[in-house]
Amino acid sequence: MSTATYIYIGFDQARRKTAMQVWPNLQKINGFGGLVFLCDDMANVIDNWSQKHRSDSFPGVFDYEVTEELGGWLYYHIDATPTEFLAELERFVSIWTFQL
């Protein structure tokens, strides 16, 4: 549940950063109810990925550094599939954890 919340927070932050603070076309996903399901579906992608990669060492940091950012990405890719979302998660984490 908290993962979906962080996705939504990132999604809404991206919305508020747009010039008119507009929502994307939510009709594509059946309105606000669809947005709740979308956040939940993508949260499952993150949670399943996290179980395999032990990213729970710093769960709060991961949530606001990665999960919220992916929510912002989702704002611009509202019709992304879970597979596309997973690819973005892996791409983002590989950048986020890059060691100099």
PDB file of N, CA and C in Angstrom:
ATOM      1  N   MET A   1       0.818  -1.194   0.000  1.00  0.00           N
ATOM      2  CA  MET A   1       0.000   0.000   0.000  1.00  0.00           C
ATOM      3  C   MET A   1       0.862   1.258   0.000  1.00  0.00           C
ATOM      4  N   SER A   2       1.928   1.276   0.786  1.00  0.00           N
ATOM      5  CA  SER A   2       2.745   2.488   0.834  1.00  0.00           C
ATOM      6  C   SER A   2       3.464   2.730  -0.483  1.00  0.00           C
ATOM      7  N   THR A   3       3.838   1.677  -1.190  1.00  0.00           N
ATOM      8  CA  THR A   3       4.502   1.852  -2.478  1.00  0.00           C
ATOM      9  C   THR A   3       3.577   2.568  -3.451  1.00  0.00           C
ATOM     10  N   ALA A   4       2.318   2.163  -3.489  1.00  0.00           N
ATOM     11  CA  ALA A   4       1.334   2.822  -4.366  1.00  0.00           C
ATOM     12  C   ALA A   4       1.166   4.282  -3.980  1.00  0.00           C
ATOM     13  N   THR A   5       1.208   4.570  -2.701  1.00  0.00           N
ATOM     14  CA  THR A   5       1.084   5.950  -2.239  1.00  0.00           C
ATOM     15  C   THR A   5       2.246   6.793  -2.729  1.00  0.00           C
ATOM     16  N   TYR A   6       3.458   6.270  -2.639  1.00  0.00           N
ATOM     17  CA  TYR A   6       4.619   7.016  -3.122  1.00  0.00           C
ATOM     18  C   TYR A   6       4.575   7.202  -4.638  1.00  0.00           C
ATOM     19  N   ILE A   7       4.067   6.209  -5.359  1.00  0.00           N
ATOM     20  CA  ILE A   7       3.897   6.373  -6.806  1.00  0.00           C
ATOM     21  C   ILE A   7       2.930   7.519  -7.069  1.00  0.00           C
ATOM     22  N   TYR A   8       1.808   7.534  -6.339  1.00  0.00           N
ATOM     23  CA  TYR A   8       0.829   8.605  -6.535  1.00  0.00           C
ATOM     24  C   TYR A   8       1.430   9.971  -6.183  1.00  0.00           C
ATOM     25  N   ILE A   9       2.194  10.042  -5.118  1.00  0.00           N
ATOM     26  CA  ILE A   9       2.821  11.317  -4.731  1.00  0.00           C
ATOM     27  C   ILE A   9       3.704  11.827  -5.858  1.00  0.00           C
ATOM     28  N   GLY A  10       4.528  10.959  -6.426  1.00  0.00           N
ATOM     29  CA  GLY A  10       5.375  11.353  -7.545  1.00  0.00           C
ATOM     30  C   GLY A  10       4.562  11.755  -8.763  1.00  0.00           C
ATOM     31  N   PHE A  11       3.494  11.033  -9.017  1.00  0.00           N
ATOM     32  CA  PHE A  11       2.595  11.330 -10.135  1.00  0.00           C
ATOM     33  C   PHE A  11       2.009  12.734  -9.958  1.00  0.00           C
ATOM     34  N   ASP A  12       1.515  13.009  -8.759  1.00  0.00           N
ATOM     35  CA  ASP A  12       0.892  14.316  -8.495  1.00  0.00           C
ATOM     36  C   ASP A  12       1.932  15.439  -8.489  1.00  0.00           C
ATOM     37  N   GLN A  13       3.131  15.177  -8.011  1.00  0.00           N
ATOM     38  CA  GLN A  13       4.178  16.194  -8.059  1.00  0.00           C
ATOM     39  C   GLN A  13       4.513  16.555  -9.499  1.00  0.00           C
ATOM     40  N   ALA A  14       4.559  15.562 -10.374  1.00  0.00           N
ATOM     41  CA  ALA A  14       4.810  15.836 -11.795  1.00  0.00           C
ATOM     42  C   ALA A  14       3.675  16.674 -12.372  1.00  0.00           C
ATOM     43  N   ARG A  15       2.447  16.351 -11.989  1.00  0.00           N
ATOM     44  CA  ARG A  15       1.290  17.123 -12.464  1.00  0.00           C
ATOM     45  C   ARG A  15       1.400  18.574 -12.026  1.00  0.00           C
ATOM     46  N   ARG A  16       1.781  18.790 -10.783  1.00  0.00           N
ATOM     47  CA  ARG A  16       1.851  20.157 -10.255  1.00  0.00           C
ATOM     48  C   ARG A  16       3.001  20.953 -10.854  1.00  0.00           C
ATOM     49  N   LYS A  17       3.971  20.277 -11.440  1.00  0.00           N
ATOM     50  CA  LYS A  17       5.099  20.971 -12.075  1.00  0.00           C
ATOM     51  C   LYS A  17       4.767  21.423 -13.494  1.00  0.00           C
ATOM     52  N   THR A  18       3.652  20.944 -14.045  1.00  0.00           N
ATOM     53  CA  THR A  18       3.271  21.384 -15.386  1.00  0.00           C
ATOM     54  C   THR A  18       2.710  22.795 -15.289  1.00  0.00           C
ATOM     55  N   ALA A  19       2.756  23.518 -16.388  1.00  0.00           N
ATOM     56  CA  ALA A  19       2.356  24.927 -16.400  1.00  0.00           C
ATOM     57  C   ALA A  19       0.923  25.136 -15.901  1.00  0.00           C
ATOM     58  N   MET A  20       0.009  24.314 -16.314  1.00  0.00           N
ATOM     59  CA  MET A  20      -1.397  24.482 -15.944  1.00  0.00           C
ATOM     60  C   MET A  20      -1.826  23.508 -14.853  1.00  0.00           C
ATOM     61  N   GLN A  21      -0.894  22.734 -14.336  1.00  0.00           N
ATOM     62  CA  GLN A  21      -1.166  21.723 -13.317  1.00  0.00           C
ATOM     63  C   GLN A  21      -2.301  20.793 -13.755  1.00  0.00           C
ATOM     64  N   VAL A  22      -2.191  20.316 -14.975  1.00  0.00           N
ATOM     65  CA  VAL A  22      -3.254  19.507 -15.562  1.00  0.00           C
ATOM     66  C   VAL A  22      -3.029  18.021 -15.326  1.00  0.00           C
ATOM     67  N   TRP A  23      -4.131  17.310 -15.264  1.00  0.00           N
ATOM     68  CA  TRP A  23      -4.092  15.861 -15.196  1.00  0.00           C
ATOM     69  C   TRP A  23      -3.934  15.340 -16.615  1.00  0.00           C
ATOM     70  N   PRO A  24      -3.231  14.244 -16.798  1.00  0.00           N
ATOM     71  CA  PRO A  24      -3.202  13.641 -18.130  1.00  0.00           C
ATOM     72  C   PRO A  24      -4.604  13.120 -18.458  1.00  0.00           C
ATOM     73  N   ASN A  25      -4.785  12.622 -19.630  1.00  0.00           N
ATOM     74  CA  ASN A  25      -6.092  12.104 -20.030  1.00  0.00           C
ATOM     75  C   ASN A  25      -6.397  10.836 -19.230  1.00  0.00           C
ATOM     76  N   LEU A  26      -7.060  11.015 -18.106  1.00  0.00           N
ATOM     77  CA  LEU A  26      -7.374   9.873 -17.237  1.00  0.00           C
ATOM     78  C   LEU A  26      -8.461   8.983 -17.821  1.00  0.00           C
ATOM     79  N   GLN A  27      -9.137   9.453 -18.855  1.00  0.00           N
ATOM     80  CA  GLN A  27     -10.155   8.610 -19.488  1.00  0.00           C
ATOM     81  C   GLN A  27      -9.525   7.359 -20.104  1.00  0.00           C
ATOM     82  N   LYS A  28      -8.246   7.459 -20.461  1.00  0.00           N
ATOM     83  CA  LYS A  28      -7.519   6.291 -21.002  1.00  0.00           C
ATOM     84  C   LYS A  28      -7.507   5.140 -20.004  1.00  0.00           C
ATOM     85  N   ILE A  29      -7.566   5.488 -18.718  1.00  0.00           N
ATOM     86  CA  ILE A  29      -7.446   4.460 -17.680  1.00  0.00           C
ATOM     87  C   ILE A  29      -8.676   4.416 -16.773  1.00  0.00           C
ATOM     88  N   ASN A  30      -9.806   4.918 -17.255  1.00  0.00           N
ATOM     89  CA  ASN A  30     -11.081   4.895 -16.523  1.00  0.00           C
ATOM     90  C   ASN A  30     -11.114   5.857 -15.340  1.00  0.00           C
ATOM     91  N   GLY A  31     -10.554   7.039 -15.509  1.00  0.00           N
ATOM     92  CA  GLY A  31     -10.670   8.105 -14.517  1.00  0.00           C
ATOM     93  C   GLY A  31      -9.785   7.913 -13.299  1.00  0.00           C
ATOM     94  N   PHE A  32     -10.172   8.581 -12.206  1.00  0.00           N
ATOM     95  CA  PHE A  32      -9.373   8.526 -10.981  1.00  0.00           C
ATOM     96  C   PHE A  32      -9.354   7.132 -10.372  1.00  0.00           C
ATOM     97  N   GLY A  33     -10.450   6.409 -10.517  1.00  0.00           N
ATOM     98  CA  GLY A  33     -10.464   5.026 -10.041  1.00  0.00           C
ATOM     99  C   GLY A  33      -9.414   4.198 -10.770  1.00  0.00           C
ATOM    100  N   GLY A  34      -9.293   4.421 -12.066  1.00  0.00           N
ATOM    101  CA  GLY A  34      -8.277   3.734 -12.855  1.00  0.00           C
ATOM    102  C   GLY A  34      -6.875   4.128 -12.423  1.00  0.00           C
ATOM    103  N   LEU A  35      -6.723   5.393 -12.007  1.00  0.00           N
ATOM    104  CA  LEU A  35      -5.412   5.845 -11.529  1.00  0.00           C
ATOM    105  C   LEU A  35      -5.025   5.095 -10.256  1.00  0.00           C
ATOM    106  N   VAL A  36      -5.987   4.854  -9.390  1.00  0.00           N
ATOM    107  CA  VAL A  36      -5.714   4.081  -8.172  1.00  0.00           C
ATOM    108  C   VAL A  36      -5.242   2.677  -8.543  1.00  0.00           C
ATOM    109  N   PHE A  37      -5.939   2.045  -9.475  1.00  0.00           N
ATOM    110  CA  PHE A  37      -5.539   0.702  -9.909  1.00  0.00           C
ATOM    111  C   PHE A  37      -4.186   0.723 -10.605  1.00  0.00           C
ATOM    112  N   LEU A  38      -3.928   1.757 -11.403  1.00  0.00           N
ATOM    113  CA  LEU A  38      -2.640   1.877 -12.078  1.00  0.00           C
ATOM    114  C   LEU A  38      -1.502   1.978 -11.056  1.00  0.00           C
ATOM    115  N   CYS A  39      -1.678   2.837 -10.062  1.00  0.00           N
ATOM    116  CA  CYS A  39      -0.650   2.974  -9.014  1.00  0.00           C
ATOM    117  C   CYS A  39      -0.446   1.649  -8.288  1.00  0.00           C
ATOM    118  N   ASP A  40      -1.529   0.942  -8.015  1.00  0.00           N
ATOM    119  CA  ASP A  40      -1.436  -0.343  -7.330  1.00  0.00           C
ATOM    120  C   ASP A  40      -0.729  -1.379  -8.193  1.00  0.00           C
ATOM    121  N   ASP A  41      -1.062  -1.419  -9.488  1.00  0.00           N
ATOM    122  CA  ASP A  41      -0.407  -2.376 -10.390  1.00  0.00           C
ATOM    123  C   ASP A  41       1.097  -2.121 -10.466  1.00  0.00           C
ATOM    124  N   MET A  42       1.465  -0.854 -10.575  1.00  0.00           N
ATOM    125  CA  MET A  42       2.885  -0.528 -10.689  1.00  0.00           C
ATOM    126  C   MET A  42       3.606  -0.716  -9.347  1.00  0.00           C
ATOM    127  N   ALA A  43       2.885  -0.538  -8.258  1.00  0.00           N
ATOM    128  CA  ALA A  43       3.468  -0.815  -6.935  1.00  0.00           C
ATOM    129  C   ALA A  43       3.820  -2.290  -6.820  1.00  0.00           C
ATOM    130  N   ASN A  44       2.980  -3.142  -7.372  1.00  0.00           N
ATOM    131  CA  ASN A  44       3.283  -4.577  -7.362  1.00  0.00           C
ATOM    132  C   ASN A  44       4.556  -4.870  -8.142  1.00  0.00           C
ATOM    133  N   VAL A  45       4.775  -4.146  -9.239  1.00  0.00           N
ATOM    134  CA  VAL A  45       6.005  -4.319 -10.017  1.00  0.00           C
ATOM    135  C   VAL A  45       7.221  -3.974  -9.151  1.00  0.00           C
ATOM    136  N   ILE A  46       7.143  -2.830  -8.451  1.00  0.00           N
ATOM    137  CA  ILE A  46       8.254  -2.410  -7.596  1.00  0.00           C
ATOM    138  C   ILE A  46       8.443  -3.378  -6.432  1.00  0.00           C
ATOM    139  N   ASP A  47       7.350  -3.774  -5.799  1.00  0.00           N
ATOM    140  CA  ASP A  47       7.452  -4.676  -4.647  1.00  0.00           C
ATOM    141  C   ASP A  47       8.045  -6.027  -5.052  1.00  0.00           C
ATOM    142  N   ASN A  48       7.619  -6.568  -6.184  1.00  0.00           N
ATOM    143  CA  ASN A  48       8.181  -7.842  -6.656  1.00  0.00           C
ATOM    144  C   ASN A  48       9.654  -7.696  -6.990  1.00  0.00           C
ATOM    145  N   TRP A  49      10.020  -6.589  -7.625  1.00  0.00           N
ATOM    146  CA  TRP A  49      11.419  -6.327  -7.949  1.00  0.00           C
ATOM    147  C   TRP A  49      12.239  -6.202  -6.658  1.00  0.00           C
ATOM    148  N   SER A  50      11.692  -5.482  -5.685  1.00  0.00           N
ATOM    149  CA  SER A  50      12.398  -5.249  -4.418  1.00  0.00           C
ATOM    150  C   SER A  50      12.677  -6.546  -3.672  1.00  0.00           C
ATOM    151  N   GLN A  51      11.739  -7.482  -3.710  1.00  0.00           N
ATOM    152  CA  GLN A  51      11.940  -8.762  -3.029  1.00  0.00           C
ATOM    153  C   GLN A  51      13.121  -9.525  -3.608  1.00  0.00           C
ATOM    154  N   LYS A  52      13.376  -9.347  -4.892  1.00  0.00           N
ATOM    155  CA  LYS A  52      14.477 -10.045  -5.546  1.00  0.00           C
ATOM    156  C   LYS A  52      15.809  -9.329  -5.371  1.00  0.00           C
ATOM    157  N   HIS A  53      15.783  -8.023  -5.123  1.00  0.00           N
ATOM    158  CA  HIS A  53      17.011  -7.235  -5.105  1.00  0.00           C
ATOM    159  C   HIS A  53      17.364  -6.654  -3.741  1.00  0.00           C
ATOM    160  N   ARG A  54      16.649  -7.014  -2.737  1.00  0.00           N
ATOM    161  CA  ARG A  54      16.939  -6.583  -1.370  1.00  0.00           C
ATOM    162  C   ARG A  54      17.138  -5.070  -1.262  1.00  0.00           C
ATOM    163  N   SER A  55      16.276  -4.307  -1.877  1.00  0.00           N
ATOM    164  CA  SER A  55      16.365  -2.854  -1.783  1.00  0.00           C
ATOM    165  C   SER A  55      15.746  -2.340  -0.491  1.00  0.00           C
ATOM    166  N   ASP A  56      15.424  -3.273   0.423  1.00  0.00           N
ATOM    167  CA  ASP A  56      14.790  -2.874   1.677  1.00  0.00           C
ATOM    168  C   ASP A  56      15.797  -2.423   2.728  1.00  0.00           C
ATOM    169  N   SER A  57      17.055  -2.280   2.363  1.00  0.00           N
ATOM    170  CA  SER A  57      18.053  -1.823   3.317  1.00  0.00           C
ATOM    171  C   SER A  57      17.747  -0.412   3.806  1.00  0.00           C
ATOM    172  N   PHE A  58      17.259   0.410   2.915  1.00  0.00           N
ATOM    173  CA  PHE A  58      16.870   1.778   3.242  1.00  0.00           C
ATOM    174  C   PHE A  58      15.515   2.055   2.599  1.00  0.00           C
ATOM    175  N   PRO A  59      14.439   1.416   3.097  1.00  0.00           N
ATOM    176  CA  PRO A  59      13.153   1.498   2.398  1.00  0.00           C
ATOM    177  C   PRO A  59      12.616   2.916   2.241  1.00  0.00           C
ATOM    178  N   GLY A  60      12.774   3.769   3.233  1.00  0.00           N
ATOM    179  CA  GLY A  60      12.281   5.141   3.119  1.00  0.00           C
ATOM    180  C   GLY A  60      13.012   5.904   2.039  1.00  0.00           C
ATOM    181  N   VAL A  61      14.321   5.744   1.995  1.00  0.00           N
ATOM    182  CA  VAL A  61      15.125   6.415   0.977  1.00  0.00           C
ATOM    183  C   VAL A  61      14.728   5.908  -0.401  1.00  0.00           C
ATOM    184  N   PHE A  62      14.568   4.615  -0.542  1.00  0.00           N
ATOM    185  CA  PHE A  62      14.171   4.041  -1.825  1.00  0.00           C
ATOM    186  C   PHE A  62      12.819   4.604  -2.263  1.00  0.00           C
ATOM    187  N   ASP A  63      11.886   4.721  -1.315  1.00  0.00           N
ATOM    188  CA  ASP A  63      10.556   5.227  -1.663  1.00  0.00           C
ATOM    189  C   ASP A  63      10.591   6.650  -2.181  1.00  0.00           C
ATOM    190  N   TYR A  64      11.293   7.530  -1.507  1.00  0.00           N
ATOM    191  CA  TYR A  64      11.239   8.910  -1.995  1.00  0.00           C
ATOM    192  C   TYR A  64      12.275   9.216  -3.054  1.00  0.00           C
ATOM    193  N   GLU A  65      13.322   8.407  -3.177  1.00  0.00           N
ATOM    194  CA  GLU A  65      14.321   8.644  -4.219  1.00  0.00           C
ATOM    195  C   GLU A  65      14.001   7.903  -5.524  1.00  0.00           C
ATOM    196  N   VAL A  66      13.375   6.753  -5.417  1.00  0.00           N
ATOM    197  CA  VAL A  66      13.104   5.952  -6.611  1.00  0.00           C
ATOM    198  C   VAL A  66      11.608   5.867  -6.894  1.00  0.00           C
ATOM    199  N   THR A  67      10.830   5.408  -5.929  1.00  0.00           N
ATOM    200  CA  THR A  67       9.404   5.178  -6.167  1.00  0.00           C
ATOM    201  C   THR A  67       8.680   6.461  -6.553  1.00  0.00           C
ATOM    202  N   GLU A  68       8.929   7.558  -5.853  1.00  0.00           N
ATOM    203  CA  GLU A  68       8.288   8.826  -6.222  1.00  0.00           C
ATOM    204  C   GLU A  68       8.718   9.271  -7.615  1.00  0.00           C
ATOM    205  N   GLU A  69       9.984   9.112  -7.928  1.00  0.00           N
ATOM    206  CA  GLU A  69      10.469   9.503  -9.257  1.00  0.00           C
ATOM    207  C   GLU A  69       9.789   8.687 -10.350  1.00  0.00           C
ATOM    208  N   LEU A  70       9.577   7.415 -10.081  1.00  0.00           N
ATOM    209  CA  LEU A  70       8.880   6.580 -11.057  1.00  0.00           C
ATOM    210  C   LEU A  70       7.419   6.982 -11.185  1.00  0.00           C
ATOM    211  N   GLY A  71       6.831   7.475 -10.111  1.00  0.00           N
ATOM    212  CA  GLY A  71       5.480   8.028 -10.205  1.00  0.00           C
ATOM    213  C   GLY A  71       5.450   9.230 -11.133  1.00  0.00           C
ATOM    214  N   GLY A  72       6.488  10.068 -11.062  1.00  0.00           N
ATOM    215  CA  GLY A  72       6.602  11.200 -11.980  1.00  0.00           C
ATOM    216  C   GLY A  72       6.763  10.740 -13.413  1.00  0.00           C
ATOM    217  N   TRP A  73       7.541   9.689 -13.621  1.00  0.00           N
ATOM    218  CA  TRP A  73       7.693   9.126 -14.963  1.00  0.00           C
ATOM    219  C   TRP A  73       6.345   8.620 -15.464  1.00  0.00           C
ATOM    220  N   LEU A  74       5.583   7.991 -14.573  1.00  0.00           N
ATOM    221  CA  LEU A  74       4.290   7.422 -14.944  1.00  0.00           C
ATOM    222  C   LEU A  74       3.310   8.510 -15.395  1.00  0.00           C
ATOM    223  N   TYR A  75       3.421   9.694 -14.821  1.00  0.00           N
ATOM    224  CA  TYR A  75       2.565  10.813 -15.246  1.00  0.00           C
ATOM    225  C   TYR A  75       2.701  11.040 -16.748  1.00  0.00           C
ATOM    226  N   TYR A  76       3.915  10.975 -17.248  1.00  0.00           N
ATOM    227  CA  TYR A  76       4.170  11.224 -18.668  1.00  0.00           C
ATOM    228  C   TYR A  76       3.995   9.972 -19.537  1.00  0.00           C
ATOM    229  N   HIS A  77       3.836   8.824 -18.892  1.00  0.00           N
ATOM    230  CA  HIS A  77       3.689   7.549 -19.613  1.00  0.00           C
ATOM    231  C   HIS A  77       2.504   6.778 -19.030  1.00  0.00           C
ATOM    232  N   ILE A  78       1.367   7.445 -18.969  1.00  0.00           N
ATOM    233  CA  ILE A  78       0.199   6.883 -18.272  1.00  0.00           C
ATOM    234  C   ILE A  78      -0.285   5.568 -18.884  1.00  0.00           C
ATOM    235  N   ASP A  79       0.038   5.334 -20.129  1.00  0.00           N
ATOM    236  CA  ASP A  79      -0.407   4.086 -20.743  1.00  0.00           C
ATOM    237  C   ASP A  79       0.705   3.038 -20.794  1.00  0.00           C
ATOM    238  N   ALA A  80       1.717   3.206 -19.952  1.00  0.00           N
ATOM    239  CA  ALA A  80       2.819   2.234 -19.889  1.00  0.00           C
ATOM    240  C   ALA A  80       2.311   0.897 -19.354  1.00  0.00           C
ATOM    241  N   THR A  81       2.904  -0.149 -19.855  1.00  0.00           N
ATOM    242  CA  THR A  81       2.595  -1.488 -19.362  1.00  0.00           C
ATOM    243  C   THR A  81       3.479  -1.788 -18.149  1.00  0.00           C
ATOM    244  N   PRO A  82       3.110  -2.774 -17.359  1.00  0.00           N
ATOM    245  CA  PRO A  82       3.998  -3.165 -16.256  1.00  0.00           C
ATOM    246  C   PRO A  82       5.408  -3.541 -16.735  1.00  0.00           C
ATOM    247  N   THR A  83       5.529  -4.128 -17.907  1.00  0.00           N
ATOM    248  CA  THR A  83       6.836  -4.488 -18.452  1.00  0.00           C
ATOM    249  C   THR A  83       7.652  -3.232 -18.754  1.00  0.00           C
ATOM    250  N   GLU A  84       7.018  -2.226 -19.328  1.00  0.00           N
ATOM    251  CA  GLU A  84       7.708  -0.965 -19.602  1.00  0.00           C
ATOM    252  C   GLU A  84       8.089  -0.260 -18.301  1.00  0.00           C
ATOM    253  N   PHE A  85       7.197  -0.333 -17.316  1.00  0.00           N
ATOM    254  CA  PHE A  85       7.478   0.267 -16.016  1.00  0.00           C
ATOM    255  C   PHE A  85       8.661  -0.425 -15.353  1.00  0.00           C
ATOM    256  N   LEU A  86       8.711  -1.745 -15.438  1.00  0.00           N
ATOM    257  CA  LEU A  86       9.831  -2.505 -14.878  1.00  0.00           C
ATOM    258  C   LEU A  86      11.135  -2.111 -15.561  1.00  0.00           C
ATOM    259  N   ALA A  87      11.108  -1.950 -16.870  1.00  0.00           N
ATOM    260  CA  ALA A  87      12.319  -1.546 -17.594  1.00  0.00           C
ATOM    261  C   ALA A  87      12.787  -0.175 -17.120  1.00  0.00           C
ATOM    262  N   GLU A  88      11.854   0.741 -16.899  1.00  0.00           N
ATOM    263  CA  GLU A  88      12.220   2.075 -16.401  1.00  0.00           C
ATOM    264  C   GLU A  88      12.751   1.983 -14.976  1.00  0.00           C
ATOM    265  N   LEU A  89      12.154   1.147 -14.152  1.00  0.00           N
ATOM    266  CA  LEU A  89      12.640   0.927 -12.786  1.00  0.00           C
ATOM    267  C   LEU A  89      14.087   0.448 -12.819  1.00  0.00           C
ATOM    268  N   GLU A  90      14.362  -0.536 -13.622  1.00  0.00           N
ATOM    269  CA  GLU A  90      15.723  -1.077 -13.688  1.00  0.00           C
ATOM    270  C   GLU A  90      16.704  -0.047 -14.241  1.00  0.00           C
ATOM    271  N   ARG A  91      16.296   0.712 -15.242  1.00  0.00           N
ATOM    272  CA  ARG A  91      17.153   1.762 -15.800  1.00  0.00           C
ATOM    273  C   ARG A  91      17.438   2.818 -14.738  1.00  0.00           C
ATOM    274  N   PHE A  92      16.394   3.243 -14.039  1.00  0.00           N
ATOM    275  CA  PHE A  92      16.545   4.289 -13.033  1.00  0.00           C
ATOM    276  C   PHE A  92      17.430   3.824 -11.879  1.00  0.00           C
ATOM    277  N   VAL A  93      17.210   2.618 -11.402  1.00  0.00           N
ATOM    278  CA  VAL A  93      18.001   2.094 -10.287  1.00  0.00           C
ATOM    279  C   VAL A  93      19.458   1.939 -10.696  1.00  0.00           C
ATOM    280  N   SER A  94      19.709   1.536 -11.932  1.00  0.00           N
ATOM    281  CA  SER A  94      21.104   1.383 -12.368  1.00  0.00           C
ATOM    282  C   SER A  94      21.820   2.733 -12.365  1.00  0.00           C
ATOM    283  N   ILE A  95      21.110   3.798 -12.652  1.00  0.00           N
ATOM    284  CA  ILE A  95      21.694   5.157 -12.588  1.00  0.00           C
ATOM    285  C   ILE A  95      21.824   5.597 -11.146  1.00  0.00           C
ATOM    286  N   TRP A  96      20.781   5.360 -10.357  1.00  0.00           N
ATOM    287  CA  TRP A  96      20.717   5.805  -8.968  1.00  0.00           C
ATOM    288  C   TRP A  96      21.799   5.153  -8.114  1.00  0.00           C
ATOM    289  N   THR A  97      22.130   3.907  -8.422  1.00  0.00           N
ATOM    290  CA  THR A  97      23.106   3.182  -7.601  1.00  0.00           C
ATOM    291  C   THR A  97      24.503   3.185  -8.210  1.00  0.00           C
ATOM    292  N   PHE A  98      24.706   3.945  -9.275  1.00  0.00           N
ATOM    293  CA  PHE A  98      26.011   4.003  -9.936  1.00  0.00           C
ATOM    294  C   PHE A  98      27.073   4.478  -8.943  1.00  0.00           C
ATOM    295  N   GLN A  99      28.118   3.725  -8.837  1.00  0.00           N
ATOM    296  CA  GLN A  99      29.209   4.049  -7.906  1.00  0.00           C
ATOM    297  C   GLN A  99      30.345   4.708  -8.682  1.00  0.00           C
ATOM    298  N   LEU A 100      30.803   5.862  -8.210  1.00  0.00           N
ATOM    299  CA  LEU A 100      31.945   6.540  -8.830  1.00  0.00           C
ATOM    300  C   LEU A 100      33.248   5.964  -8.333  1.00  0.00           C
TER     301      LEU A 100
END
